[in-house]
Each structure stands twice: as C-alpha cells, then as structure tokens.
Amino acid sequence: MSPLSESQVRRSFVNLTAGEAKRANLPGDLATRSWDQLDYLGWRDPKSPQRAYLVVERAAGVCGVGLRRSTQPAGPRKTMCSLCLTVGDVALMVAPRAGRSGLAGNSVGTYICADLVCSLYARDLLRTGDAIAYETLGVEQKVARLRANLDAFIGRVVGPR
C-alpha cells in the first residue's frame, strides 16, 4: 500500500459524513507505518472502541470505510476472520452502506480480526497463538485472497455505481 496523509485518509471515507470524517481519530503513526506490509490501513478509535476504520487502495482510488464493532456478549469463543481467514479474536464489524442506501439505514457486516492487522497475519508476520487449520497456501496466495475478500467487502459497502 502507498503511504497516505491525514487529509487523504479523511477525504477517502465513502460512508461517513464530512463531519464524521473530520472527527475521526486517526492513528498518530501514519508517517512511520510499514506501508509495504499493509494491504489496507485499519485501526480502532482509541477514544471510542466501538468505532473502527479501513482505508484501502482500489482501482478507482483510495476508499475509506467507517465501521462499528457489534456489541456481542464477551466470551472465549474464537471465530474466523472473513478477510484473512485467521482464527482468533474476531469481531463482527458493521458498515453503513455508502450513499442514499446508508442514509436510509442499510448496512453490511463481516467478521474481521479485532486488531485489524489482517495484512500481518496473511504475511505470517504475526500469529494469534490459537490452533489453526493447516494451510498449504504460500504468502503471496494468502495476500491475494485477503485482497480479494477485502475488495468484495468494500464493494458491498460502496454498492453499484
């Protein structure tokens, strides 16, 4: 992923109002991130832990999505991430759809690693410590799968254009 500035991130959100994008608490380490290891920029809002954000490069340009973590009962249950297929601490993340559909209350959701670092899991740079199924895919194939799953989710949020 190419490095992004604060203004690029704020302008990228497709399902937030201008005011919501302005109030979003961005990560403070944008200038020092290891962008070459990321397929998307993902973070949870430290001041509002139920809020999370994803920013990804797509063919049409940079696309940001505001998410809300579902309020599920806490427990030791482990789930599989729909993006990177890692088993571990996964949360249901819900995004309002972009445009009129989102303003009408429509949303889409998917299970995503709660720490939003799927790129590191796909590259085997980070492990959850949980027992996982054996995979025969190489890192390039896992990254390609992550990107395809991410693009499909973002496509559901953006909807037909």
Foldseek 3Di string as FASTA:
>chain_A
DDQDDLVQQLVQEQQDDNVVSVPQDDDPCSVPDPVVLDQWDKAAGPVDRQKIKIWHQDPVGIHMFIKGWDDDDDDDDWDAFQQLRAIDQKTKIKTQAGDPSSVVPDIDIGIHRSGNVSSCVLQVVDHRPDDDDDDPDHSVVSVVSNNVSVVVRVCVRHDDD
